[in-house]
Amino acid sequence: MEPDVVFELENAGWPVLLVDGAGAICRANQAALRLFGPALEGGSALLSAIWSPGNGDNAEQFLAHWERAPAPPLLLKFRGRDGQTVSQFTCVSVFTKGSQKYFVLQLLSESATAPATAVVKSPGGEANAAHKQKLDCALQLARTVALDFNNALTSILGHTSLVLSQMEPAHPWRRSLLEVEKSAAKAAEIANDLGTFSRQEKETRAQPAGNLNLLLQRCVEFLQQNASPEPPAWALQWERKLFSAKFDEAKMQQAFIKILENSIQALKGPGRITIQTRNLELTQSTQDRNVQLVAGNYVCVEISDNGCGIELDVLPRIFEPFFTTKRGANHRGLGLAWVYGIVTNHGGGVAVSSQPGVGTSVRVYLPAEKRIVRDSGVPSDDLSGNQTILIVDDEDLLLTMGQTILSAYGYHVLTANSGQRALDILSKNDSPVDLMITDLVMPAMSGRELVEHIRQISPDMRILCTSGYVWPSGQENDSAYLQKPFTSQELLLKVKQALAADQISAG
């Protein structure tokens, strides 16, 4: 049965297409039929039939990319009734009905983005302008909520992780605090999604190169802190000269923890989990289960367990959204689908092999460069210091949180609730400031403006920028950037890295 949603747009004055997940056009309103004519007749047309090669990606690639990273209206090219190319600003939305996914494409004329004075002269122009104003207000509200939400979560995560780091493993409240930390991390995902939705310009920064060995080690340590009554035996086999791979550290950590949690649950008691990293140099295309690897360099992370395994009839469906064999309200069947999305968004692939009663092996492949990855040179167990740090943020909650954490580890901390206050402190402070940590989004003087002032008066000062989702312009990697929300350990490690970099450059 076809969705009813398009009926409401049947008589719209602009072309509207309903496209299924495979790229087939299910319905087209009258305006679309007038624009494209015979190409849409017969009821079995494909979007590719009216798609112009001038768009770069083909129709299926465009829909897949848009679903991963929704974008504002885009100027797309189509093949019209007479074969001529027509340009249309296209609004895209996605929804599901039952188990089927659909895209709604609303095609507006290229003049739809003309200046407001021209729009008002056209029929219905005032209504269109009012509608756009409402959308702009909604986006602004979403941006504000995302920023405030991230600030509150940063305070929660910072204080919680600080208490956990000082608490004995057997403390009776430890498990409850771990649940608070997990809940805050989940809320952080929601805040990030809200921030991404509300961002008018989607930022496409390149991911930095990282050390997967260190990332996996942190995942294991996290799970050991929250160990079950019968914890597994861990076998860690690291490639000593691991190739350099670029990845989003937070997202890949979440993906690996989800895989490891599944392995622990599969053991159903004492068992063994093996994590192995290795380099791959492929001279020709290679297939691993559902993953097609073209020739090139890769890092492979293989996570194996000797648990219950996966039934043969279940194995082909493990990446399907909402498919799960686990019972309970907390199991929504999104875990491995989420892992698959994260890894494929990095240009990689996930392959799973399993035998019932023997165990399961999950192999994650990430594209890599044939150069040895370097770690930061900062031991993760040595996070204390005695330098002077200035924290700049318009949220008092975050000033208090940052001062509490850094002071607990020996740092001398100064705080400023505005950019101007920070400049006043720097001009009057007798002792030098070794590092400034500043939020990028602040009223009056933004963090970027503050950084520009600092570069003029003190070019050598080390600066660490923080934000919920605003990326510093001109920043090539994240060595001087910390995304909110963050834990106390992430803050301390980033501070240590910035100060270590200072010492290296000074030497």
Protein backbone atom coordinates (compact mmCIF):
# COMPACT_ATOMS: atom_id res chain seq x y z
CA MET A 1 0.00 0.00 0.00
CA GLU A 2 1.40 3.37 -0.96
CA PRO A 3 1.77 6.06 1.75
CA ASP A 4 -0.99 8.63 1.95
CA VAL A 5 1.32 11.55 2.64
CA VAL A 6 1.57 12.61 -1.00
CA PHE A 7 -2.19 13.05 -1.34
CA GLU A 8 -1.85 16.29 0.63
CA LEU A 9 0.59 17.55 -2.01
CA GLU A 10 -1.34 16.25 -5.02
CA ASN A 11 -2.57 19.73 -5.95
CA ALA A 12 0.50 21.65 -4.88
CA GLY A 13 1.70 24.24 -7.37
CA TRP A 14 5.21 22.76 -7.40
CA PRO A 15 6.39 19.29 -8.48
CA VAL A 16 6.47 16.64 -5.73
CA LEU A 17 7.90 13.12 -6.05
CA LEU A 18 7.59 10.18 -3.67
CA VAL A 19 10.61 7.88 -4.07
CA ASP A 20 11.23 4.59 -2.29
CA GLY A 21 14.55 3.46 -0.83
CA ALA A 22 15.52 1.74 -4.09
CA GLY A 23 15.09 4.93 -6.13
CA ALA A 24 11.73 4.05 -7.74
CA ILE A 25 9.18 6.87 -8.13
CA CYS A 26 6.01 5.68 -6.34
CA ARG A 27 3.91 8.78 -6.92
CA ALA A 28 4.19 12.11 -8.72
CA ASN A 29 1.74 14.99 -8.37
CA GLN A 30 0.20 16.85 -11.31
CA ALA A 31 2.89 19.55 -11.35
CA ALA A 32 5.58 16.85 -11.61
CA LEU A 33 3.74 15.15 -14.48
CA ARG A 34 3.56 18.47 -16.32
CA LEU A 35 7.31 19.06 -15.80
CA PHE A 36 8.58 15.60 -16.75
CA GLY A 37 5.81 14.25 -18.96
CA PRO A 38 6.20 10.76 -20.48
CA ALA A 39 9.21 9.89 -18.30
CA LEU A 40 6.87 9.45 -15.30
CA GLU A 41 4.06 7.65 -17.07
CA GLY A 42 3.42 3.97 -16.55
CA GLY A 43 3.84 3.93 -12.76
CA SER A 44 7.27 2.24 -12.72
CA ALA A 45 9.68 5.11 -13.42
CA LEU A 46 13.01 5.42 -11.64
CA LEU A 47 14.41 8.66 -10.28
CA SER A 48 17.50 7.95 -12.39
CA ALA A 49 15.33 8.35 -15.52
CA ILE A 50 14.95 12.09 -14.88
CA TRP A 51 18.25 12.58 -13.02
CA SER A 52 20.92 14.70 -14.74
CA PRO A 53 24.57 13.54 -14.80
CA GLY A 54 25.44 17.14 -13.96
CA ASN A 55 24.61 16.43 -10.31
CA GLY A 56 27.82 14.43 -9.83
CA ASP A 57 26.45 11.57 -7.71
CA ASN A 58 23.84 9.36 -9.30
CA ALA A 59 20.31 9.34 -7.85
CA GLU A 60 20.86 6.39 -5.51
CA GLN A 61 24.13 7.85 -4.17
CA PHE A 62 22.48 11.22 -3.59
CA LEU A 63 19.66 9.70 -1.52
CA ALA A 64 22.13 7.63 0.52
CA HIS A 65 24.35 10.65 1.18
CA TRP A 66 21.39 12.87 2.06
CA GLU A 67 20.06 10.30 4.55
CA ARG A 68 23.42 10.24 6.35
CA ALA A 69 23.82 14.04 6.30
CA PRO A 70 20.51 15.91 5.71
CA ALA A 71 21.06 19.21 3.94
CA PRO A 72 19.08 22.40 3.26
CA PRO A 73 17.40 22.80 -0.17
CA LEU A 74 19.91 21.99 -2.92
CA LEU A 75 20.05 23.15 -6.53
CA LEU A 76 19.71 19.91 -8.54
CA LYS A 77 19.50 19.29 -12.27
CA PHE A 78 16.82 17.13 -13.93
CA ARG A 79 15.88 16.09 -17.46
CA GLY A 80 12.58 17.77 -18.27
CA ARG A 81 9.75 16.89 -20.69
CA ASP A 82 11.58 18.10 -23.79
CA GLY A 83 14.92 16.57 -22.80
CA GLN A 84 16.34 19.91 -21.72
CA THR A 85 18.08 20.22 -18.35
CA VAL A 86 16.05 22.06 -15.72
CA SER A 87 17.46 23.33 -12.44
CA GLN A 88 15.27 23.02 -9.35
CA PHE A 89 15.90 23.87 -5.72
CA THR A 90 14.93 20.58 -4.11
CA CYS A 91 13.72 20.04 -0.54
CA VAL A 92 14.17 16.45 0.63
CA SER A 93 12.64 14.65 3.61
CA VAL A 94 12.62 10.98 4.61
CA PHE A 95 10.13 8.86 6.51
CA THR A 96 9.23 5.21 7.03
CA LYS A 97 5.89 3.44 6.76
CA GLY A 98 5.93 -0.09 8.11
CA SER A 99 9.34 -1.42 7.15
CA GLN A 100 9.64 0.65 3.95
CA LYS A 101 11.64 3.86 3.64
CA TYR A 102 10.47 6.74 1.43
CA PHE A 103 11.87 10.10 0.31
CA VAL A 104 9.72 13.12 -0.53
CA LEU A 105 11.30 15.48 -3.08
CA GLN A 106 9.69 18.90 -3.48
CA LEU A 107 11.04 20.78 -6.50
CA LEU A 108 11.01 24.57 -6.41
CA SER A 109 11.98 26.78 -9.32
CA GLU A 110 15.47 28.27 -9.38
CA SER A 111 13.93 31.70 -8.69
CA ALA A 112 12.72 30.45 -5.32
CA THR A 113 15.83 31.86 -3.69
CA ALA A 114 15.58 35.27 -5.31
CA PRO A 115 15.66 38.34 -3.04
CA ALA A 116 12.63 38.78 -0.79
CA THR A 117 11.38 41.78 -2.80
CA ALA A 118 11.03 39.60 -5.90
CA VAL A 119 9.35 36.79 -3.99
CA VAL A 120 6.70 39.07 -2.51
CA LYS A 121 5.59 40.17 -5.97
CA SER A 122 4.75 36.62 -7.04
CA PRO A 123 1.40 34.96 -6.11
CA GLY A 124 1.65 33.50 -2.63
CA GLY A 125 5.00 35.19 -2.11
CA GLU A 126 4.05 36.65 1.26
CA ALA A 127 3.01 33.22 2.51
CA ASN A 128 6.29 31.72 1.29
CA ALA A 129 8.28 34.45 3.01
CA ALA A 130 6.35 33.92 6.25
CA HIS A 131 6.93 30.16 6.00
CA LYS A 132 10.68 30.71 5.52
CA GLN A 133 10.74 33.05 8.50
CA LYS A 134 9.07 30.38 10.64
CA LEU A 135 11.65 27.82 9.53
CA ASP A 136 14.50 30.21 10.31
CA CYS A 137 13.05 30.78 13.79
CA ALA A 138 12.76 27.02 14.34
CA LEU A 139 16.39 26.49 13.28
CA GLN A 140 17.54 29.30 15.56
CA LEU A 141 15.59 27.76 18.45
CA ALA A 142 17.15 24.36 17.72
CA ARG A 143 20.65 25.88 17.66
CA THR A 144 20.06 27.61 20.99
CA VAL A 145 18.66 24.46 22.61
CA ALA A 146 21.56 22.37 21.27
CA LEU A 147 24.14 24.78 22.69
CA ASP A 148 22.48 25.05 26.11
CA PHE A 149 21.90 21.29 26.22
CA ASN A 150 25.55 20.61 25.42
CA ASN A 151 26.73 23.01 28.12
CA ALA A 152 24.57 21.31 30.76
CA LEU A 153 25.74 17.85 29.65
CA THR A 154 29.37 18.96 29.73
CA SER A 155 28.97 19.92 33.39
CA ILE A 156 27.22 16.62 34.21
CA LEU A 157 29.79 14.48 32.39
CA GLY A 158 32.73 16.44 33.77
CA HIS A 159 31.73 16.20 37.43
CA THR A 160 30.53 12.58 37.13
CA SER A 161 33.70 11.32 35.46
CA LEU A 162 35.84 13.21 38.00
CA VAL A 163 34.05 11.51 40.92
CA LEU A 164 34.33 8.12 39.20
CA SER A 165 38.06 8.57 38.70
CA GLN A 166 38.50 9.16 42.44
CA MET A 167 36.06 6.46 43.62
CA GLU A 168 37.06 2.98 44.77
CA PRO A 169 35.96 0.21 42.35
CA ALA A 170 33.91 -1.48 45.08
CA HIS A 171 32.08 1.66 46.20
CA PRO A 172 28.33 0.95 46.46
CA TRP A 173 27.40 4.09 44.49
CA ARG A 174 29.79 3.44 41.61
CA ARG A 175 27.30 1.53 39.48
CA SER A 176 24.70 4.30 39.82
CA LEU A 177 27.24 6.93 38.77
CA LEU A 178 28.21 4.81 35.77
CA GLU A 179 24.54 4.77 34.77
CA VAL A 180 24.42 8.57 35.09
CA GLU A 181 27.48 8.81 32.84
CA LYS A 182 25.95 6.47 30.26
CA SER A 183 22.68 8.42 30.27
CA ALA A 184 24.51 11.71 29.80
CA ALA A 185 26.48 10.20 26.90
CA LYS A 186 23.21 9.12 25.27
CA ALA A 187 21.77 12.60 25.74
CA ALA A 188 24.94 13.98 24.15
CA GLU A 189 24.16 12.00 20.99
CA ILE A 190 20.72 13.62 20.86
CA ALA A 191 22.22 17.08 21.35
CA ASN A 192 24.72 16.41 18.57
CA ASP A 193 21.94 15.31 16.20
CA LEU A 194 19.94 18.43 17.07
CA GLY A 195 22.97 20.63 16.46
CA THR A 196 23.65 18.93 13.12
CA PHE A 197 20.02 19.41 12.04
CA SER A 198 20.02 23.10 12.94
CA ARG A 199 23.34 23.92 11.31
CA GLN A 200 22.72 25.99 8.19
CA GLU A 201 26.16 25.26 6.74
CA LYS A 202 27.15 21.63 7.11
CA GLU A 203 30.80 21.50 8.07
CA THR A 204 32.84 18.89 6.25
CA ARG A 205 36.11 18.94 8.16
CA ALA A 206 38.55 16.16 7.49
CA GLN A 207 38.87 13.66 10.29
CA PRO A 208 42.25 13.61 12.09
CA ALA A 209 44.55 10.60 12.06
CA GLY A 210 44.37 8.67 15.32
CA ASN A 211 45.78 5.63 17.07
CA LEU A 212 43.26 2.77 16.99
CA ASN A 213 45.37 0.78 19.46
CA LEU A 214 44.97 3.49 22.10
CA LEU A 215 41.27 3.90 21.32
CA LEU A 216 40.62 0.16 21.73
CA GLN A 217 42.64 0.08 24.95
CA ARG A 218 40.39 2.81 26.38
CA CYS A 219 37.31 0.82 25.35
CA VAL A 220 38.58 -2.23 27.22
CA GLU A 221 39.41 -0.16 30.31
CA PHE A 222 35.91 1.35 30.25
CA LEU A 223 34.30 -2.09 30.15
CA GLN A 224 36.60 -3.43 32.85
CA GLN A 225 35.47 -0.63 35.17
CA ASN A 226 31.88 -1.74 34.67
CA ALA A 227 32.65 -5.46 34.70
CA SER A 228 30.03 -8.15 35.22
CA PRO A 229 30.29 -10.62 38.14
CA GLU A 230 32.04 -13.03 35.75
CA PRO A 231 34.28 -10.77 33.62
CA PRO A 232 35.80 -12.15 30.42
CA ALA A 233 39.48 -12.86 29.86
CA TRP A 234 40.94 -10.31 27.46
CA ALA A 235 43.58 -11.12 24.81
CA LEU A 236 44.95 -7.94 23.20
CA GLN A 237 47.11 -8.35 20.11
CA TRP A 238 48.27 -4.94 18.86
CA GLU A 239 50.04 -4.27 15.58
CA ARG A 240 53.12 -2.38 16.78
CA LYS A 241 53.55 -0.38 13.57
CA LEU A 242 49.92 0.34 12.83
CA PHE A 243 49.03 2.28 9.69
CA SER A 244 47.50 5.74 10.05
CA ALA A 245 43.69 5.84 9.73
CA LYS A 246 41.46 8.93 9.93
CA PHE A 247 38.37 8.63 12.09
CA ASP A 248 36.00 10.42 14.44
CA GLU A 249 37.30 9.25 17.80
CA ALA A 250 34.03 9.57 19.74
CA LYS A 251 31.92 7.76 17.12
CA MET A 252 34.42 4.94 16.58
CA GLN A 253 34.74 4.44 20.34
CA GLN A 254 30.96 4.10 20.58
CA ALA A 255 30.99 1.58 17.71
CA PHE A 256 33.71 -0.59 19.24
CA ILE A 257 32.08 -0.53 22.68
CA LYS A 258 28.81 -1.72 21.13
CA ILE A 259 30.62 -4.63 19.43
CA LEU A 260 32.42 -5.51 22.67
CA GLU A 261 29.20 -5.34 24.70
CA ASN A 262 27.63 -7.81 22.26
CA SER A 263 30.64 -10.11 22.70
CA ILE A 264 30.36 -9.97 26.49
CA GLN A 265 26.63 -10.76 26.34
CA ALA A 266 27.33 -13.71 24.01
CA LEU A 267 29.67 -15.31 26.57
CA LYS A 268 26.92 -15.81 29.15
CA GLY A 269 29.57 -16.33 31.83
CA PRO A 270 33.36 -16.70 31.85
CA GLY A 271 34.87 -16.64 28.40
CA ARG A 272 37.51 -15.05 26.22
CA ILE A 273 37.47 -11.97 24.00
CA THR A 274 40.34 -11.34 21.60
CA ILE A 275 41.05 -7.96 19.99
CA GLN A 276 43.59 -7.88 17.18
CA THR A 277 44.75 -4.98 15.02
CA ARG A 278 46.70 -5.51 11.80
CA ASN A 279 47.70 -3.72 8.61
CA LEU A 280 46.42 -4.79 5.20
CA GLU A 281 48.07 -3.97 1.88
CA LEU A 282 45.79 -5.11 -0.93
CA THR A 283 47.05 -5.16 -4.51
CA GLN A 284 43.65 -6.23 -5.88
CA SER A 285 40.02 -6.14 -4.82
CA THR A 286 39.11 -8.55 -2.01
CA GLN A 287 35.78 -9.77 -0.67
CA ASP A 288 35.13 -10.53 3.01
CA ARG A 289 31.53 -11.69 3.46
CA ASN A 290 29.44 -8.63 2.57
CA VAL A 291 32.44 -6.24 2.41
CA GLN A 292 34.08 -5.42 -0.92
CA LEU A 293 37.56 -3.96 -0.42
CA VAL A 294 39.20 -2.24 -3.36
CA ALA A 295 42.97 -2.31 -3.73
CA GLY A 296 44.69 -0.10 -1.16
CA ASN A 297 45.82 0.10 2.46
CA TYR A 298 43.59 -0.68 5.42
CA VAL A 299 43.64 -1.16 9.16
CA CYS A 300 41.68 -4.20 10.29
CA VAL A 301 40.30 -4.50 13.83
CA GLU A 302 39.09 -8.02 14.59
CA ILE A 303 37.05 -8.69 17.75
CA SER A 304 36.42 -12.38 18.46
CA ASP A 305 34.69 -14.26 21.27
CA ASN A 306 34.10 -17.92 22.13
CA GLY A 307 30.47 -17.34 23.07
CA CYS A 308 27.18 -18.79 21.89
CA GLY A 309 27.55 -17.64 18.28
CA ILE A 310 24.82 -16.53 15.87
CA GLU A 311 22.30 -18.83 14.22
CA LEU A 312 22.80 -19.23 10.46
CA ASP A 313 19.32 -17.93 9.61
CA VAL A 314 19.86 -14.85 11.77
CA LEU A 315 23.36 -13.92 10.52
CA PRO A 316 22.23 -12.26 7.24
CA ARG A 317 19.89 -9.91 9.14
CA ILE A 318 22.15 -8.63 11.93
CA PHE A 319 22.66 -5.20 10.35
CA GLU A 320 18.97 -4.58 9.72
CA PRO A 321 17.55 -1.68 11.76
CA PHE A 322 15.11 -2.77 14.48
CA PHE A 323 15.97 -6.46 14.03
CA THR A 324 16.97 -8.10 17.32
CA THR A 325 16.84 -11.51 18.96
CA LYS A 326 17.15 -9.99 22.44
CA ARG A 327 14.18 -9.49 24.69
CA GLY A 328 13.45 -6.39 26.75
CA ALA A 329 12.59 -2.73 26.24
CA ASN A 330 16.26 -1.71 26.12
CA HIS A 331 16.96 -3.83 23.03
CA ARG A 332 15.64 -1.93 20.00
CA GLY A 333 17.74 -3.66 17.35
CA LEU A 334 19.74 -0.54 16.47
CA GLY A 335 23.15 -1.53 17.86
CA LEU A 336 24.82 -3.23 14.90
CA ALA A 337 22.90 -1.08 12.40
CA TRP A 338 24.42 1.92 14.16
CA VAL A 339 27.90 0.32 14.05
CA TYR A 340 27.47 -0.36 10.34
CA GLY A 341 26.46 3.26 9.71
CA ILE A 342 29.44 4.68 11.61
CA VAL A 343 31.99 2.45 9.88
CA THR A 344 30.59 2.91 6.36
CA ASN A 345 30.45 6.68 6.89
CA HIS A 346 34.23 6.43 7.40
CA GLY A 347 34.57 4.65 4.05
CA GLY A 348 35.08 1.27 5.70
CA GLY A 349 33.18 -1.96 6.11
CA VAL A 350 32.07 -4.49 8.74
CA ALA A 351 32.17 -8.25 8.19
CA VAL A 352 30.81 -10.83 10.65
CA SER A 353 31.39 -14.59 10.71
CA SER A 354 29.97 -16.92 13.33
CA GLN A 355 29.28 -20.54 14.21
CA PRO A 356 26.57 -21.47 16.74
CA GLY A 357 28.14 -22.76 19.93
CA VAL A 358 31.66 -21.81 18.80
CA GLY A 359 31.82 -18.01 18.73
CA THR A 360 31.71 -14.86 16.61
CA SER A 361 34.28 -12.72 14.84
CA VAL A 362 33.63 -9.09 13.82
CA ARG A 363 36.13 -7.47 11.44
CA VAL A 364 36.13 -3.69 10.99
CA TYR A 365 38.07 -2.32 8.00
CA LEU A 366 39.08 1.34 7.78
CA PRO A 367 40.99 2.95 4.88
CA ALA A 368 44.52 3.88 5.94
CA GLU A 369 47.73 5.50 4.77
CA LYS A 370 50.98 3.55 4.73
CA ARG A 371 52.66 5.55 7.44
CA ILE A 372 53.03 4.65 11.07
CA VAL A 373 50.60 6.40 13.38
CA ARG A 374 52.09 8.39 16.22
CA ASP A 375 50.55 8.67 19.65
CA SER A 376 50.50 11.90 21.59
CA GLY A 377 53.39 10.91 23.82
CA VAL A 378 51.23 11.66 26.87
CA PRO A 379 50.75 8.73 29.27
CA SER A 380 47.04 8.31 30.00
CA ASP A 381 47.79 7.68 33.69
CA ASP A 382 49.76 10.93 34.14
CA LEU A 383 47.24 13.74 33.82
CA SER A 384 48.41 16.10 36.57
CA GLY A 385 50.27 19.39 36.12
CA ASN A 386 51.15 22.68 37.77
CA GLN A 387 50.77 25.18 34.93
CA THR A 388 48.44 28.20 34.87
CA ILE A 389 45.31 27.78 32.76
CA LEU A 390 42.71 30.41 31.86
CA ILE A 391 39.19 29.11 31.15
CA VAL A 392 36.85 31.39 29.18
CA ASP A 393 33.13 30.58 28.92
CA ASP A 394 29.91 32.51 29.37
CA GLU A 395 28.38 29.57 31.30
CA ASP A 396 29.21 29.65 35.01
CA LEU A 397 28.43 25.93 35.24
CA LEU A 398 31.31 25.16 32.89
CA LEU A 399 33.71 27.55 34.57
CA THR A 400 33.05 25.83 37.90
CA MET A 401 33.36 22.37 36.37
CA GLY A 402 36.63 23.14 34.57
CA GLN A 403 38.15 24.81 37.63
CA THR A 404 37.14 21.87 39.86
CA ILE A 405 38.65 19.23 37.57
CA LEU A 406 41.90 21.00 36.71
CA SER A 407 42.52 22.19 40.27
CA ALA A 408 42.06 18.63 41.53
CA TYR A 409 44.98 17.62 39.30
CA GLY A 410 47.31 20.39 40.44
CA TYR A 411 46.74 23.14 37.89
CA HIS A 412 46.41 26.81 38.83
CA VAL A 413 43.12 27.92 37.22
CA LEU A 414 41.82 31.37 36.29
CA THR A 415 38.30 31.92 34.94
CA ALA A 416 36.61 34.55 32.79
CA ASN A 417 32.94 34.71 31.79
CA SER A 418 33.54 36.85 28.68
CA GLY A 419 36.18 37.57 26.08
CA GLN A 420 36.77 41.08 27.40
CA ARG A 421 37.21 39.76 30.95
CA ALA A 422 39.81 37.30 29.63
CA LEU A 423 41.76 40.10 27.95
CA ASP A 424 41.66 42.09 31.21
CA ILE A 425 43.04 39.12 33.16
CA LEU A 426 45.83 38.56 30.64
CA SER A 427 46.84 42.23 30.73
CA LYS A 428 46.88 42.42 34.56
CA ASN A 429 48.06 38.93 35.55
CA ASP A 430 51.61 38.93 36.90
CA SER A 431 52.31 35.26 36.19
CA PRO A 432 52.15 34.02 32.59
CA VAL A 433 49.21 31.94 31.40
CA ASP A 434 50.41 28.67 29.90
CA LEU A 435 47.14 27.69 28.19
CA MET A 436 43.81 29.35 27.44
CA ILE A 437 40.68 27.24 27.01
CA THR A 438 37.88 29.18 25.33
CA ASP A 439 34.38 28.43 24.14
CA LEU A 440 33.82 29.46 20.52
CA VAL A 441 30.20 30.64 20.92
CA MET A 442 29.86 33.55 23.36
CA PRO A 443 27.88 36.82 23.32
CA ALA A 444 29.53 40.19 22.69
CA MET A 445 32.99 38.80 21.83
CA SER A 446 33.01 35.32 20.33
CA GLY A 447 35.75 32.81 20.98
CA ARG A 448 37.09 33.30 17.47
CA GLU A 449 37.35 37.06 17.99
CA LEU A 450 39.08 36.46 21.31
CA VAL A 451 41.60 34.14 19.65
CA GLU A 452 42.34 36.82 17.03
CA HIS A 453 43.03 39.37 19.80
CA ILE A 454 45.27 36.91 21.64
CA ARG A 455 47.27 36.13 18.50
CA GLN A 456 48.07 39.83 18.17
CA ILE A 457 49.23 40.41 21.74
CA SER A 458 50.66 36.97 22.52
CA PRO A 459 51.31 34.90 19.36
CA ASP A 460 52.92 31.99 21.23
CA MET A 461 50.11 31.32 23.70
CA ARG A 462 48.68 27.81 23.54
CA ILE A 463 44.91 27.91 22.91
CA LEU A 464 42.37 25.12 23.21
CA CYS A 465 38.92 25.78 21.68
CA THR A 466 35.70 24.08 22.79
CA SER A 467 32.21 24.00 21.33
CA GLY A 468 29.13 21.86 20.98
CA TYR A 469 29.38 21.69 17.18
CA VAL A 470 31.11 24.78 15.81
CA TRP A 471 34.44 23.87 14.25
CA PRO A 472 37.26 26.46 14.33
CA SER A 473 37.74 27.94 10.87
CA GLY A 474 41.11 27.13 9.34
CA GLN A 475 41.68 24.27 11.78
CA GLU A 476 43.24 21.30 9.96
CA ASN A 477 43.00 18.80 12.79
CA ASP A 478 41.58 18.55 16.26
CA SER A 479 44.81 18.86 18.26
CA ALA A 480 43.59 22.23 19.63
CA TYR A 481 39.87 21.49 19.70
CA LEU A 482 37.70 19.74 22.31
CA GLN A 483 34.09 19.01 21.44
CA LYS A 484 31.38 19.38 24.06
CA PRO A 485 30.24 17.49 25.98
CA PHE A 486 33.43 15.92 27.32
CA THR A 487 34.50 13.93 30.36
CA SER A 488 37.08 14.98 32.91
CA GLN A 489 39.57 12.51 31.43
CA GLU A 490 39.09 13.92 27.93
CA LEU A 491 39.65 17.45 29.23
CA LEU A 492 42.76 16.48 31.19
CA LEU A 493 44.25 14.52 28.32
CA LYS A 494 43.62 17.34 25.82
CA VAL A 495 45.19 19.86 28.22
CA LYS A 496 48.19 17.59 28.70
CA GLN A 497 48.59 17.22 24.93
CA ALA A 498 48.42 20.97 24.38
CA LEU A 499 51.02 21.65 27.06
CA ALA A 500 53.26 18.84 25.78
CA ALA A 501 53.07 20.32 22.28
CA ASP A 502 54.09 23.67 23.80
CA GLN A 503 57.15 22.08 25.39
CA ILE A 504 58.12 20.36 22.14
CA SER A 505 57.83 23.54 20.07
CA ALA A 506 59.72 25.52 22.69
CA GLY A 507 62.54 23.00 22.65
